[in-house]
Amino acid sequence: VLSVNITKAFGSFRLETQFEVEEGSITAIFGKSGAGKTSTINAIAGL
């Protein structure tokens, strides 16, 4: 199991999220435009 806990600040806005992914699973992140999908992936990647 991969556990991810992310906290990232964008000015006065703060993103906090957490989730778990089972080893060997395929996982997708989806949502409306501007929902923070790319920011979440960048935070996981350490960018």
PDB file of N, CA and C in Angstrom:
ATOM      1  N   VAL A   1       0.850  -1.183   0.000  1.00  0.00           N
ATOM      2  CA  VAL A   1       0.000   0.000   0.000  1.00  0.00           C
ATOM      3  C   VAL A   1       0.890   1.239   0.000  1.00  0.00           C
ATOM      4  N   LEU A   2       0.603   2.159  -0.897  1.00  0.00           N
ATOM      5  CA  LEU A   2       1.278   3.453  -0.936  1.00  0.00           C
ATOM      6  C   LEU A   2       0.354   4.471  -0.280  1.00  0.00           C
ATOM      7  N   SER A   3       0.806   5.082   0.813  1.00  0.00           N
ATOM      8  CA  SER A   3       0.028   6.118   1.494  1.00  0.00           C
ATOM      9  C   SER A   3       0.595   7.474   1.115  1.00  0.00           C
ATOM     10  N   VAL A   4      -0.274   8.377   0.689  1.00  0.00           N
ATOM     11  CA  VAL A   4       0.135   9.717   0.271  1.00  0.00           C
ATOM     12  C   VAL A   4      -0.590  10.738   1.135  1.00  0.00           C
ATOM     13  N   ASN A   5       0.165  11.630   1.756  1.00  0.00           N
ATOM     14  CA  ASN A   5      -0.377  12.751   2.522  1.00  0.00           C
ATOM     15  C   ASN A   5       0.289  14.008   1.985  1.00  0.00           C
ATOM     16  N   ILE A   6      -0.508  14.935   1.483  1.00  0.00           N
ATOM     17  CA  ILE A   6       0.032  16.130   0.833  1.00  0.00           C
ATOM     18  C   ILE A   6      -0.536  17.380   1.495  1.00  0.00           C
ATOM     19  N   THR A   7       0.332  18.326   1.774  1.00  0.00           N
ATOM     20  CA  THR A   7      -0.071  19.667   2.181  1.00  0.00           C
ATOM     21  C   THR A   7       0.760  20.635   1.356  1.00  0.00           C
ATOM     22  N   LYS A   8       0.095  21.530   0.646  1.00  0.00           N
ATOM     23  CA  LYS A   8       0.806  22.495  -0.199  1.00  0.00           C
ATOM     24  C   LYS A   8       0.048  23.817  -0.143  1.00  0.00           C
ATOM     25  N   ALA A   9       0.794  24.909  -0.054  1.00  0.00           N
ATOM     26  CA  ALA A   9       0.184  26.236   0.012  1.00  0.00           C
ATOM     27  C   ALA A   9       0.386  26.974  -1.303  1.00  0.00           C
ATOM     28  N   PHE A  10      -0.670  27.643  -1.745  1.00  0.00           N
ATOM     29  CA  PHE A  10      -0.653  28.507  -2.928  1.00  0.00           C
ATOM     30  C   PHE A  10      -1.142  29.875  -2.463  1.00  0.00           C
ATOM     31  N   GLY A  11      -0.221  30.707  -2.006  1.00  0.00           N
ATOM     32  CA  GLY A  11      -0.631  31.981  -1.419  1.00  0.00           C
ATOM     33  C   GLY A  11      -1.417  31.714  -0.150  1.00  0.00           C
ATOM     34  N   SER A  12      -2.636  32.232  -0.075  1.00  0.00           N
ATOM     35  CA  SER A  12      -3.466  32.015   1.113  1.00  0.00           C
ATOM     36  C   SER A  12      -4.274  30.720   1.030  1.00  0.00           C
ATOM     37  N   PHE A  13      -4.255  30.054  -0.124  1.00  0.00           N
ATOM     38  CA  PHE A  13      -4.986  28.793  -0.290  1.00  0.00           C
ATOM     39  C   PHE A  13      -4.093  27.634   0.117  1.00  0.00           C
ATOM     40  N   ARG A  14      -4.645  26.689   0.855  1.00  0.00           N
ATOM     41  CA  ARG A  14      -3.882  25.527   1.319  1.00  0.00           C
ATOM     42  C   ARG A  14      -4.559  24.244   0.851  1.00  0.00           C
ATOM     43  N   LEU A  15      -3.785  23.389   0.186  1.00  0.00           N
ATOM     44  CA  LEU A  15      -4.271  22.098  -0.302  1.00  0.00           C
ATOM     45  C   LEU A  15      -3.840  21.020   0.676  1.00  0.00           C
ATOM     46  N   GLU A  16      -4.798  20.253   1.186  1.00  0.00           N
ATOM     47  CA  GLU A  16      -4.502  19.116   2.047  1.00  0.00           C
ATOM     48  C   GLU A  16      -5.286  17.927   1.520  1.00  0.00           C
ATOM     49  N   THR A  17      -4.593  16.852   1.229  1.00  0.00           N
ATOM     50  CA  THR A  17      -5.268  15.652   0.751  1.00  0.00           C
ATOM     51  C   THR A  17      -4.493  14.421   1.179  1.00  0.00           C
ATOM     52  N   GLN A  18      -5.186  13.309   1.263  1.00  0.00           N
ATOM     53  CA  GLN A  18      -4.538  12.039   1.580  1.00  0.00           C
ATOM     54  C   GLN A  18      -5.302  10.913   0.908  1.00  0.00           C
ATOM     55  N   PHE A  19      -4.564   9.892   0.496  1.00  0.00           N
ATOM     56  CA  PHE A  19      -5.191   8.716  -0.088  1.00  0.00           C
ATOM     57  C   PHE A  19      -4.220   7.556  -0.053  1.00  0.00           C
ATOM     58  N   GLU A  20      -4.737   6.359  -0.285  1.00  0.00           N
ATOM     59  CA  GLU A  20      -3.930   5.145  -0.328  1.00  0.00           C
ATOM     60  C   GLU A  20      -4.174   4.432  -1.643  1.00  0.00           C
ATOM     61  N   VAL A  21      -3.105   3.840  -2.184  1.00  0.00           N
ATOM     62  CA  VAL A  21      -3.187   3.106  -3.443  1.00  0.00           C
ATOM     63  C   VAL A  21      -2.621   1.714  -3.202  1.00  0.00           C
ATOM     64  N   GLU A  22      -3.375   0.700  -3.578  1.00  0.00           N
ATOM     65  CA  GLU A  22      -2.917  -0.677  -3.436  1.00  0.00           C
ATOM     66  C   GLU A  22      -1.824  -0.972  -4.456  1.00  0.00           C
ATOM     67  N   GLU A  23      -0.811  -1.718  -4.045  1.00  0.00           N
ATOM     68  CA  GLU A  23       0.279  -2.096  -4.942  1.00  0.00           C
ATOM     69  C   GLU A  23      -0.269  -2.874  -6.133  1.00  0.00           C
ATOM     70  N   GLY A  24       0.181  -2.512  -7.331  1.00  0.00           N
ATOM     71  CA  GLY A  24      -0.241  -3.189  -8.555  1.00  0.00           C
ATOM     72  C   GLY A  24      -1.557  -2.696  -9.125  1.00  0.00           C
ATOM     73  N   SER A  25      -2.191  -1.735  -8.460  1.00  0.00           N
ATOM     74  CA  SER A  25      -3.471  -1.230  -8.958  1.00  0.00           C
ATOM     75  C   SER A  25      -3.246  -0.088  -9.949  1.00  0.00           C
ATOM     76  N   ILE A  26      -4.258   0.184 -10.737  1.00  0.00           N
ATOM     77  CA  ILE A  26      -4.258   1.329 -11.647  1.00  0.00           C
ATOM     78  C   ILE A  26      -5.176   2.369 -11.022  1.00  0.00           C
ATOM     79  N   THR A  27      -4.666   3.581 -10.866  1.00  0.00           N
ATOM     80  CA  THR A  27      -5.408   4.625 -10.169  1.00  0.00           C
ATOM     81  C   THR A  27      -5.543   5.848 -11.068  1.00  0.00           C
ATOM     82  N   ALA A  28      -6.693   6.484 -11.032  1.00  0.00           N
ATOM     83  CA  ALA A  28      -6.937   7.688 -11.829  1.00  0.00           C
ATOM     84  C   ALA A  28      -7.365   8.826 -10.911  1.00  0.00           C
ATOM     85  N   ILE A  29      -6.967  10.030 -11.273  1.00  0.00           N
ATOM     86  CA  ILE A  29      -7.427  11.235 -10.591  1.00  0.00           C
ATOM     87  C   ILE A  29      -8.215  12.034 -11.616  1.00  0.00           C
ATOM     88  N   PHE A  30      -9.473  12.309 -11.306  1.00  0.00           N
ATOM     89  CA  PHE A  30     -10.292  13.043 -12.264  1.00  0.00           C
ATOM     90  C   PHE A  30     -11.129  14.086 -11.546  1.00  0.00           C
ATOM     91  N   GLY A  31     -11.540  15.098 -12.294  1.00  0.00           N
ATOM     92  CA  GLY A  31     -12.363  16.165 -11.752  1.00  0.00           C
ATOM     93  C   GLY A  31     -12.500  17.279 -12.777  1.00  0.00           C
ATOM     94  N   LYS A  32     -13.245  18.288 -12.398  1.00  0.00           N
ATOM     95  CA  LYS A  32     -13.487  19.423 -13.284  1.00  0.00           C
ATOM     96  C   LYS A  32     -12.207  20.215 -13.519  1.00  0.00           C
ATOM     97  N   SER A  33     -12.229  21.020 -14.558  1.00  0.00           N
ATOM     98  CA  SER A  33     -11.118  21.916 -14.864  1.00  0.00           C
ATOM     99  C   SER A  33     -10.880  22.842 -13.669  1.00  0.00           C
ATOM    100  N   GLY A  34      -9.625  22.944 -13.255  1.00  0.00           N
ATOM    101  CA  GLY A  34      -9.291  23.816 -12.128  1.00  0.00           C
ATOM    102  C   GLY A  34      -9.462  23.176 -10.768  1.00  0.00           C
ATOM    103  N   ALA A  35      -9.756  21.870 -10.731  1.00  0.00           N
ATOM    104  CA  ALA A  35     -10.002  21.182  -9.462  1.00  0.00           C
ATOM    105  C   ALA A  35      -8.722  20.843  -8.704  1.00  0.00           C
ATOM    106  N   GLY A  36      -7.555  20.928  -9.364  1.00  0.00           N
ATOM    107  CA  GLY A  36      -6.293  20.666  -8.686  1.00  0.00           C
ATOM    108  C   GLY A  36      -5.642  19.342  -9.024  1.00  0.00           C
ATOM    109  N   LYS A  37      -6.072  18.719 -10.112  1.00  0.00           N
ATOM    110  CA  LYS A  37      -5.497  17.415 -10.504  1.00  0.00           C
ATOM    111  C   LYS A  37      -4.006  17.527 -10.798  1.00  0.00           C
ATOM    112  N   THR A  38      -3.620  18.475 -11.627  1.00  0.00           N
ATOM    113  CA  THR A  38      -2.213  18.647 -11.983  1.00  0.00           C
ATOM    114  C   THR A  38      -1.403  19.069 -10.768  1.00  0.00           C
ATOM    115  N   SER A  39      -1.928  19.942  -9.943  1.00  0.00           N
ATOM    116  CA  SER A  39      -1.223  20.364  -8.726  1.00  0.00           C
ATOM    117  C   SER A  39      -0.994  19.185  -7.793  1.00  0.00           C
ATOM    118  N   THR A  40      -1.962  18.293  -7.698  1.00  0.00           N
ATOM    119  CA  THR A  40      -1.820  17.104  -6.855  1.00  0.00           C
ATOM    120  C   THR A  40      -0.722  16.193  -7.380  1.00  0.00           C
ATOM    121  N   ILE A  41      -0.719  15.932  -8.686  1.00  0.00           N
ATOM    122  CA  ILE A  41       0.320  15.084  -9.286  1.00  0.00           C
ATOM    123  C   ILE A  41       1.693  15.727  -9.110  1.00  0.00           C
ATOM    124  N   ASN A  42       1.797  17.039  -9.316  1.00  0.00           N
ATOM    125  CA  ASN A  42       3.071  17.739  -9.131  1.00  0.00           C
ATOM    126  C   ASN A  42       3.550  17.643  -7.681  1.00  0.00           C
ATOM    127  N   ALA A  43       2.638  17.745  -6.720  1.00  0.00           N
ATOM    128  CA  ALA A  43       3.014  17.638  -5.309  1.00  0.00           C
ATOM    129  C   ALA A  43       3.504  16.233  -4.982  1.00  0.00           C
ATOM    130  N   ILE A  44       2.859  15.209  -5.533  1.00  0.00           N
ATOM    131  CA  ILE A  44       3.296  13.828  -5.316  1.00  0.00           C
ATOM    132  C   ILE A  44       4.694  13.630  -5.888  1.00  0.00           C
ATOM    133  N   ALA A  45       4.939  14.223  -7.060  1.00  0.00           N
ATOM    134  CA  ALA A  45       6.232  14.084  -7.731  1.00  0.00           C
ATOM    135  C   ALA A  45       7.310  14.978  -7.117  1.00  0.00           C
ATOM    136  N   GLY A  46       6.922  15.846  -6.197  1.00  0.00           N
ATOM    137  CA  GLY A  46       7.882  16.736  -5.557  1.00  0.00           C
ATOM    138  C   GLY A  46       8.250  17.948  -6.380  1.00  0.00           C
ATOM    139  N   LEU A  47       7.410  18.316  -7.334  1.00  0.00           N
ATOM    140  CA  LEU A  47       7.679  19.485  -8.189  1.00  0.00           C
ATOM    141  C   LEU A  47       7.125  20.757  -7.576  1.00  0.00           C
TER     142      LEU A  47
END
